[in-house]
Amino acid sequence: MDNFVERLRSELDLVQTALKEKRVTATAADGLVKVTANGHQEITAVFLDPQALYPKNQAPLEEAVLAAVNEAIQLSRQLLREEISRLAGGINQAGYPDFF
């Protein structure tokens, strides 16, 4: 049993390291806003197309950035779920939707 736990802990460490390097990108406002996050739910990049920066676009731009950030975080959480599921051998985590 101890060998299993040690192996699982080692695999979790590897997954955690790999997730830090993986990226997901969400877009909003027809691609004028792009937000990238890693597998640790950290925002790593924000792209704003110059067309989105006109003063008259402030409110829609703010909404687009918010939408893209939220989507990037959701995509990052999905990436985490997929990695944990793979590590857990496909165990159904449907009963624990907020766990990851």
N, C-alpha and C. Protein backbone atom coordinates (compact mmCIF):
# COMPACT_ATOMS: atom_id res chain seq x y z
N MET A 1 0.83 -1.20 0.00
CA MET A 1 0.00 0.00 0.00
C MET A 1 0.87 1.25 0.00
N ASP A 2 1.94 1.26 0.80
CA ASP A 2 2.81 2.43 0.86
C ASP A 2 3.43 2.72 -0.50
N ASN A 3 3.76 1.65 -1.24
CA ASN A 3 4.33 1.82 -2.57
C ASN A 3 3.31 2.50 -3.50
N PHE A 4 2.05 2.10 -3.38
CA PHE A 4 0.99 2.70 -4.19
C PHE A 4 0.85 4.19 -3.87
N VAL A 5 0.84 4.52 -2.59
CA VAL A 5 0.68 5.91 -2.17
C VAL A 5 1.87 6.74 -2.64
N GLU A 6 3.07 6.20 -2.52
CA GLU A 6 4.26 6.91 -2.97
C GLU A 6 4.20 7.14 -4.48
N ARG A 7 3.78 6.12 -5.22
CA ARG A 7 3.68 6.25 -6.68
C ARG A 7 2.62 7.28 -7.05
N LEU A 8 1.48 7.24 -6.37
CA LEU A 8 0.42 8.20 -6.63
C LEU A 8 0.88 9.62 -6.32
N ARG A 9 1.56 9.78 -5.22
CA ARG A 9 2.08 11.10 -4.83
C ARG A 9 3.08 11.61 -5.88
N SER A 10 3.92 10.72 -6.36
CA SER A 10 4.89 11.08 -7.39
C SER A 10 4.19 11.48 -8.69
N GLU A 11 3.17 10.72 -9.06
CA GLU A 11 2.41 11.04 -10.27
C GLU A 11 1.67 12.37 -10.13
N LEU A 12 1.13 12.63 -8.96
CA LEU A 12 0.45 13.90 -8.71
C LEU A 12 1.43 15.07 -8.83
N ASP A 13 2.64 14.88 -8.33
CA ASP A 13 3.66 15.93 -8.47
C ASP A 13 3.97 16.20 -9.93
N LEU A 14 4.07 15.13 -10.72
CA LEU A 14 4.34 15.28 -12.15
C LEU A 14 3.19 16.01 -12.85
N VAL A 15 1.95 15.64 -12.51
CA VAL A 15 0.79 16.29 -13.11
C VAL A 15 0.76 17.76 -12.74
N GLN A 16 1.03 18.06 -11.49
CA GLN A 16 1.02 19.44 -11.03
C GLN A 16 2.05 20.27 -11.79
N THR A 17 3.23 19.71 -11.98
CA THR A 17 4.27 20.41 -12.74
C THR A 17 3.85 20.60 -14.19
N ALA A 18 3.28 19.56 -14.79
CA ALA A 18 2.84 19.63 -16.18
C ALA A 18 1.72 20.65 -16.35
N LEU A 19 0.79 20.71 -15.40
CA LEU A 19 -0.32 21.66 -15.49
C LEU A 19 0.17 23.10 -15.46
N LYS A 20 1.23 23.35 -14.75
CA LYS A 20 1.79 24.71 -14.69
C LYS A 20 2.23 25.17 -16.08
N GLU A 21 2.64 24.22 -16.92
CA GLU A 21 3.14 24.53 -18.26
C GLU A 21 2.05 24.52 -19.33
N LYS A 22 0.93 23.85 -19.08
CA LYS A 22 -0.14 23.77 -20.07
C LYS A 22 -0.92 25.07 -20.12
N ARG A 23 -1.41 25.41 -21.30
CA ARG A 23 -2.13 26.66 -21.49
C ARG A 23 -3.47 26.42 -22.18
N VAL A 24 -4.45 27.21 -21.81
CA VAL A 24 -5.74 27.26 -22.49
C VAL A 24 -6.00 28.73 -22.79
N THR A 25 -6.67 29.00 -23.91
CA THR A 25 -6.95 30.37 -24.30
C THR A 25 -8.43 30.52 -24.60
N ALA A 26 -9.02 31.57 -24.04
CA ALA A 26 -10.42 31.90 -24.28
C ALA A 26 -10.46 33.21 -25.04
N THR A 27 -11.47 33.34 -25.90
CA THR A 27 -11.63 34.58 -26.66
C THR A 27 -13.02 35.16 -26.43
N ALA A 28 -13.12 36.45 -26.64
CA ALA A 28 -14.41 37.14 -26.53
C ALA A 28 -14.41 38.27 -27.55
N ALA A 29 -15.59 38.83 -27.77
CA ALA A 29 -15.76 39.96 -28.69
C ALA A 29 -15.17 39.64 -30.06
N ASP A 30 -15.54 38.49 -30.58
CA ASP A 30 -15.09 38.07 -31.92
C ASP A 30 -13.58 38.07 -32.05
N GLY A 31 -12.88 37.68 -30.99
CA GLY A 31 -11.42 37.56 -31.04
C GLY A 31 -10.67 38.83 -30.69
N LEU A 32 -11.38 39.90 -30.37
CA LEU A 32 -10.71 41.14 -30.00
C LEU A 32 -10.05 41.03 -28.62
N VAL A 33 -10.54 40.11 -27.81
CA VAL A 33 -9.99 39.89 -26.47
C VAL A 33 -9.63 38.41 -26.36
N LYS A 34 -8.40 38.15 -25.92
CA LYS A 34 -7.95 36.78 -25.69
C LYS A 34 -7.28 36.72 -24.33
N VAL A 35 -7.63 35.70 -23.56
CA VAL A 35 -7.06 35.51 -22.23
C VAL A 35 -6.53 34.09 -22.15
N THR A 36 -5.30 33.96 -21.69
CA THR A 36 -4.66 32.65 -21.56
C THR A 36 -4.43 32.35 -20.09
N ALA A 37 -4.70 31.10 -19.71
CA ALA A 37 -4.47 30.65 -18.34
C ALA A 37 -3.69 29.35 -18.38
N ASN A 38 -3.01 29.05 -17.28
CA ASN A 38 -2.34 27.76 -17.19
C ASN A 38 -3.20 26.79 -16.39
N GLY A 39 -2.70 25.59 -16.20
CA GLY A 39 -3.45 24.56 -15.48
C GLY A 39 -3.58 24.79 -13.99
N HIS A 40 -3.00 25.86 -13.50
CA HIS A 40 -3.13 26.22 -12.09
C HIS A 40 -4.13 27.36 -11.90
N GLN A 41 -4.92 27.64 -12.93
CA GLN A 41 -5.91 28.70 -12.94
C GLN A 41 -5.28 30.07 -12.76
N GLU A 42 -4.07 30.24 -13.25
CA GLU A 42 -3.40 31.53 -13.23
C GLU A 42 -3.50 32.15 -14.63
N ILE A 43 -3.90 33.39 -14.70
CA ILE A 43 -3.94 34.09 -15.97
C ILE A 43 -2.51 34.42 -16.35
N THR A 44 -2.10 33.97 -17.55
CA THR A 44 -0.71 34.17 -17.97
C THR A 44 -0.56 35.21 -19.07
N ALA A 45 -1.65 35.53 -19.77
CA ALA A 45 -1.56 36.52 -20.83
C ALA A 45 -2.94 37.09 -21.13
N VAL A 46 -2.94 38.36 -21.51
CA VAL A 46 -4.15 39.04 -21.97
C VAL A 46 -3.79 39.77 -23.25
N PHE A 47 -4.59 39.55 -24.29
CA PHE A 47 -4.40 40.24 -25.56
C PHE A 47 -5.63 41.08 -25.83
N LEU A 48 -5.40 42.35 -26.14
CA LEU A 48 -6.48 43.26 -26.53
C LEU A 48 -6.14 43.80 -27.92
N ASP A 49 -6.97 43.49 -28.87
CA ASP A 49 -6.79 44.01 -30.22
C ASP A 49 -6.92 45.53 -30.17
N PRO A 50 -6.06 46.26 -30.88
CA PRO A 50 -6.15 47.73 -30.86
C PRO A 50 -7.53 48.26 -31.21
N GLN A 51 -8.29 47.54 -32.02
CA GLN A 51 -9.65 47.98 -32.36
C GLN A 51 -10.55 48.04 -31.12
N ALA A 52 -10.23 47.25 -30.12
CA ALA A 52 -11.07 47.20 -28.91
C ALA A 52 -10.77 48.35 -27.96
N LEU A 53 -9.74 49.15 -28.25
CA LEU A 53 -9.28 50.15 -27.30
C LEU A 53 -9.85 51.55 -27.50
N TYR A 54 -10.72 51.72 -28.45
CA TYR A 54 -11.33 53.04 -28.65
C TYR A 54 -12.20 53.38 -27.44
N PRO A 55 -12.19 54.64 -26.99
CA PRO A 55 -12.95 55.02 -25.79
C PRO A 55 -14.41 54.60 -25.81
N LYS A 56 -15.05 54.65 -26.97
CA LYS A 56 -16.47 54.28 -27.03
C LYS A 56 -16.68 52.80 -26.75
N ASN A 57 -15.63 52.02 -26.76
CA ASN A 57 -15.72 50.57 -26.56
C ASN A 57 -15.44 50.16 -25.12
N GLN A 58 -15.32 51.10 -24.19
CA GLN A 58 -14.89 50.77 -22.83
C GLN A 58 -15.81 49.75 -22.16
N ALA A 59 -17.09 49.98 -22.11
CA ALA A 59 -18.00 49.05 -21.43
C ALA A 59 -18.01 47.68 -22.12
N PRO A 60 -18.14 47.61 -23.44
CA PRO A 60 -18.10 46.30 -24.08
C PRO A 60 -16.74 45.61 -23.90
N LEU A 61 -15.67 46.40 -23.87
CA LEU A 61 -14.34 45.82 -23.66
C LEU A 61 -14.23 45.23 -22.26
N GLU A 62 -14.71 45.95 -21.28
CA GLU A 62 -14.69 45.44 -19.91
C GLU A 62 -15.48 44.14 -19.79
N GLU A 63 -16.64 44.11 -20.42
CA GLU A 63 -17.46 42.89 -20.41
C GLU A 63 -16.76 41.74 -21.13
N ALA A 64 -16.10 42.05 -22.23
CA ALA A 64 -15.40 41.01 -23.00
C ALA A 64 -14.21 40.46 -22.21
N VAL A 65 -13.47 41.34 -21.54
CA VAL A 65 -12.34 40.87 -20.73
C VAL A 65 -12.84 39.98 -19.60
N LEU A 66 -13.89 40.40 -18.94
CA LEU A 66 -14.46 39.60 -17.86
C LEU A 66 -14.92 38.24 -18.38
N ALA A 67 -15.60 38.22 -19.50
CA ALA A 67 -16.07 36.96 -20.07
C ALA A 67 -14.90 36.06 -20.45
N ALA A 68 -13.87 36.62 -21.05
CA ALA A 68 -12.72 35.81 -21.46
C ALA A 68 -11.96 35.29 -20.25
N VAL A 69 -11.81 36.08 -19.22
CA VAL A 69 -11.12 35.62 -18.00
C VAL A 69 -11.89 34.48 -17.37
N ASN A 70 -13.20 34.63 -17.23
CA ASN A 70 -14.00 33.57 -16.63
C ASN A 70 -13.95 32.29 -17.47
N GLU A 71 -13.99 32.43 -18.79
CA GLU A 71 -13.91 31.24 -19.65
C GLU A 71 -12.54 30.59 -19.55
N ALA A 72 -11.48 31.37 -19.50
CA ALA A 72 -10.13 30.81 -19.37
C ALA A 72 -9.99 30.03 -18.07
N ILE A 73 -10.55 30.55 -17.00
CA ILE A 73 -10.49 29.84 -15.72
C ILE A 73 -11.28 28.54 -15.81
N GLN A 74 -12.46 28.57 -16.43
CA GLN A 74 -13.25 27.35 -16.60
C GLN A 74 -12.51 26.31 -17.44
N LEU A 75 -11.87 26.76 -18.52
CA LEU A 75 -11.10 25.85 -19.36
C LEU A 75 -9.92 25.26 -18.59
N SER A 76 -9.31 26.07 -17.76
CA SER A 76 -8.20 25.60 -16.94
C SER A 76 -8.68 24.56 -15.93
N ARG A 77 -9.84 24.78 -15.33
CA ARG A 77 -10.41 23.81 -14.39
C ARG A 77 -10.73 22.50 -15.11
N GLN A 78 -11.25 22.60 -16.33
CA GLN A 78 -11.54 21.40 -17.12
C GLN A 78 -10.25 20.64 -17.41
N LEU A 79 -9.19 21.35 -17.73
CA LEU A 79 -7.89 20.72 -17.97
C LEU A 79 -7.44 19.98 -16.72
N LEU A 80 -7.59 20.59 -15.57
CA LEU A 80 -7.24 19.95 -14.30
C LEU A 80 -8.08 18.70 -14.08
N ARG A 81 -9.40 18.79 -14.30
CA ARG A 81 -10.27 17.62 -14.14
C ARG A 81 -9.83 16.47 -15.04
N GLU A 82 -9.50 16.80 -16.29
CA GLU A 82 -9.08 15.76 -17.23
C GLU A 82 -7.79 15.09 -16.78
N GLU A 83 -6.85 15.87 -16.29
CA GLU A 83 -5.58 15.29 -15.83
C GLU A 83 -5.78 14.42 -14.59
N ILE A 84 -6.60 14.91 -13.65
CA ILE A 84 -6.86 14.12 -12.44
C ILE A 84 -7.63 12.86 -12.79
N SER A 85 -8.59 12.96 -13.69
CA SER A 85 -9.36 11.79 -14.11
C SER A 85 -8.45 10.76 -14.77
N ARG A 86 -7.53 11.24 -15.62
CA ARG A 86 -6.59 10.33 -16.27
C ARG A 86 -5.73 9.64 -15.22
N LEU A 87 -5.27 10.41 -14.25
CA LEU A 87 -4.44 9.86 -13.19
C LEU A 87 -5.22 8.87 -12.33
N ALA A 88 -6.50 9.16 -12.11
CA ALA A 88 -7.34 8.30 -11.27
C ALA A 88 -7.92 7.12 -12.04
N GLY A 89 -7.49 6.95 -13.27
CA GLY A 89 -7.96 5.82 -14.06
C GLY A 89 -9.39 5.96 -14.52
N GLY A 90 -9.84 7.19 -14.74
CA GLY A 90 -11.18 7.42 -15.26
C GLY A 90 -12.28 7.37 -14.22
N ILE A 91 -11.93 7.42 -12.95
CA ILE A 91 -12.95 7.41 -11.90
C ILE A 91 -13.88 8.60 -12.14
N ASN A 92 -15.19 8.34 -12.09
CA ASN A 92 -16.18 9.38 -12.33
C ASN A 92 -16.17 10.37 -11.17
N GLN A 93 -15.93 11.64 -11.49
CA GLN A 93 -15.91 12.69 -10.48
C GLN A 93 -17.16 13.54 -10.53
N ALA A 94 -18.21 13.04 -11.18
CA ALA A 94 -19.42 13.82 -11.37
C ALA A 94 -20.04 14.22 -10.03
N GLY A 95 -19.89 13.41 -9.03
CA GLY A 95 -20.45 13.73 -7.72
C GLY A 95 -19.67 14.78 -6.98
N TYR A 96 -18.52 15.20 -7.53
CA TYR A 96 -17.66 16.18 -6.89
C TYR A 96 -17.32 17.30 -7.87
N PRO A 97 -18.31 17.97 -8.43
CA PRO A 97 -18.03 18.95 -9.49
C PRO A 97 -17.19 20.14 -9.04
N ASP A 98 -17.23 20.51 -7.77
CA ASP A 98 -16.48 21.66 -7.32
C ASP A 98 -15.15 21.27 -6.66
N PHE A 99 -14.87 19.97 -6.64
CA PHE A 99 -13.64 19.52 -5.99
C PHE A 99 -12.42 20.00 -6.75
N PHE A 100 -12.54 20.04 -8.09
CA PHE A 100 -11.41 20.48 -8.93
C PHE A 100 -11.85 21.66 -9.74
